[in-house]
Amino acid sequence: MFTNTSPESILYIVEISCPDQEIADAVLTWLYDEHLEDVCQYAEEAQAYGRILEYPEPEIDDDFEPVVVTAVYRFKDRACLTHYLNAGAAEMREKGLDAFPPEVGLTFKRSAQQYVDIDL
C-alpha cells in the first residue's frame, strides 16, 4: 500500500459516507485533483479509493448502506500527525465544505492507527 513505512508511521484514515455513487465519484475526483496533494504538505503519502457497494433503493431496503470513499494518509510519526491536525486540518476541512456543503449529505469517520508490518 505505502512505500518506506517504519514502525513509527501513523496512518490517518478518513471514511466518507456518500448518499449515492454520483456524489462518491465527485468526492474521489476532488480528493485526487485537490485534497490529497494539499494534505501531502504534512503527510508523506496519501491515497484514496472508493469502496463500491451495491446501492439499494432506500424506500425498499431498510438496510440501506451509503457508498463509502476512504482516504488514507501516512504520516512519519505521531508528532507529524499532530502538527497536521493543529496546523492544517481545519483549513482542509473548510475547503472540503466549500466543495461539498452540508446539504450534500456527507458524513465522516476518522481514525489514526500505528502502522504495523506483519510478515505472513
Protein backbone atom coordinates (compact mmCIF):
# COMPACT_ATOMS: atom_id res chain seq x y z
CA MET A 1 0.00 0.00 0.00
CA PHE A 2 2.61 2.57 1.05
CA THR A 3 6.35 2.71 0.46
CA ASN A 4 9.08 3.18 3.07
CA THR A 5 6.91 2.68 6.11
CA SER A 6 8.50 2.49 9.52
CA PRO A 7 7.20 1.28 12.90
CA GLU A 8 6.71 4.94 13.86
CA SER A 9 4.44 5.64 10.88
CA ILE A 10 0.87 6.67 11.63
CA LEU A 11 -1.99 6.03 9.24
CA TYR A 12 -4.77 8.63 9.37
CA ILE A 13 -7.91 7.17 7.83
CA VAL A 14 -10.95 9.16 6.78
CA GLU A 15 -14.07 7.28 5.68
CA ILE A 16 -16.52 9.48 3.80
CA SER A 17 -20.07 8.13 3.56
CA CYS A 18 -21.79 9.43 0.43
CA PRO A 19 -25.52 9.22 -0.25
CA ASP A 20 -25.01 7.85 -3.78
CA GLN A 21 -22.44 6.78 -6.35
CA GLU A 22 -22.56 10.08 -8.26
CA ILE A 23 -21.54 12.02 -5.16
CA ALA A 24 -18.91 9.38 -4.30
CA ASP A 25 -17.40 9.84 -7.78
CA ALA A 26 -17.33 13.62 -7.26
CA VAL A 27 -15.63 13.15 -3.87
CA LEU A 28 -12.98 10.85 -5.39
CA THR A 29 -12.33 13.36 -8.18
CA TRP A 30 -11.96 16.19 -5.66
CA LEU A 31 -9.65 14.10 -3.48
CA TYR A 32 -7.34 13.28 -6.39
CA ASP A 33 -7.49 16.69 -8.08
CA GLU A 34 -7.03 18.82 -4.95
CA HIS A 35 -7.13 17.42 -1.46
CA LEU A 36 -4.52 14.64 -1.42
CA GLU A 37 -1.83 16.99 -2.71
CA ASP A 38 -2.77 19.59 -0.08
CA VAL A 39 -2.51 17.05 2.73
CA CYS A 40 0.87 15.86 1.42
CA GLN A 41 2.27 19.19 2.60
CA TYR A 42 2.07 17.45 6.01
CA ALA A 43 1.86 13.72 5.24
CA GLU A 44 4.47 11.62 3.50
CA GLU A 45 1.95 9.82 1.31
CA ALA A 46 -1.78 9.85 0.63
CA GLN A 47 -4.13 7.51 -1.20
CA ALA A 48 -7.86 7.37 -1.75
CA TYR A 49 -10.11 4.66 -3.00
CA GLY A 50 -13.79 4.02 -3.31
CA ARG A 51 -15.44 1.08 -1.69
CA ILE A 52 -18.25 0.48 -4.11
CA LEU A 53 -21.28 -1.07 -2.50
CA GLU A 54 -24.49 -2.14 -4.15
CA TYR A 55 -26.79 0.85 -3.92
CA PRO A 56 -30.23 -0.38 -2.88
CA GLU A 57 -33.40 1.66 -3.15
CA PRO A 58 -33.80 3.35 0.28
CA GLU A 59 -37.60 3.15 0.10
CA ILE A 60 -37.44 -0.62 -0.36
CA ASP A 61 -34.38 -1.69 1.60
CA ASP A 62 -34.23 -0.87 5.32
CA ASP A 63 -30.58 -1.99 5.32
CA PHE A 64 -29.57 0.93 3.09
CA GLU A 65 -25.80 1.40 3.02
CA PRO A 66 -24.14 4.55 1.66
CA VAL A 67 -21.23 4.43 -0.77
CA VAL A 68 -18.02 4.89 1.22
CA VAL A 69 -14.88 6.59 -0.07
CA THR A 70 -11.76 6.06 2.04
CA ALA A 71 -8.71 8.32 2.15
CA VAL A 72 -5.57 7.05 3.88
CA TYR A 73 -2.68 9.34 4.77
CA ARG A 74 0.68 8.12 6.08
CA PHE A 75 2.49 10.41 8.49
CA LYS A 76 6.10 9.89 9.52
CA ASP A 77 5.15 9.70 13.20
CA ARG A 78 2.58 10.85 15.74
CA ALA A 79 4.21 14.30 16.00
CA CYS A 80 3.69 14.88 12.26
CA LEU A 81 0.03 13.87 12.51
CA THR A 82 -0.44 16.17 15.50
CA HIS A 83 1.17 19.02 13.56
CA TYR A 84 -1.23 18.41 10.64
CA LEU A 85 -4.26 18.27 12.95
CA ASN A 86 -3.20 21.52 14.66
CA ALA A 87 -1.87 23.45 11.65
CA GLY A 88 -3.63 22.26 8.52
CA ALA A 89 -6.69 20.13 9.15
CA ALA A 90 -9.14 22.99 9.83
CA GLU A 91 -8.25 24.73 6.56
CA MET A 92 -8.51 21.44 4.65
CA ARG A 93 -11.94 20.74 6.15
CA GLU A 94 -13.10 24.24 5.15
CA LYS A 95 -12.05 23.56 1.57
CA GLY A 96 -14.00 20.31 1.73
CA LEU A 97 -17.10 22.15 2.97
CA ASP A 98 -16.74 24.65 0.13
CA ALA A 99 -16.75 21.77 -2.36
CA PHE A 100 -19.39 19.69 -0.53
CA PRO A 101 -21.69 21.77 1.71
CA PRO A 102 -23.61 20.00 4.50
CA GLU A 103 -26.75 19.63 2.38
CA VAL A 104 -24.85 17.19 0.10
CA GLY A 105 -25.16 14.70 2.95
CA LEU A 106 -21.60 13.50 3.53
CA THR A 107 -20.65 12.04 6.89
CA PHE A 108 -17.11 11.39 8.11
CA LYS A 109 -15.42 8.86 10.34
CA ARG A 110 -11.76 9.47 11.24
CA SER A 111 -9.22 7.23 12.93
CA ALA A 112 -5.47 7.05 13.43
CA GLN A 113 -3.57 3.79 13.55
CA GLN A 114 0.05 2.92 14.05
CA TYR A 115 1.46 1.15 11.03
CA VAL A 116 2.32 -2.48 11.74
CA ASP A 117 4.17 -4.57 9.16
CA ILE A 118 3.43 -8.25 9.63
CA ASP A 119 5.09 -10.90 7.52
CA LEU A 120 2.57 -13.64 6.85
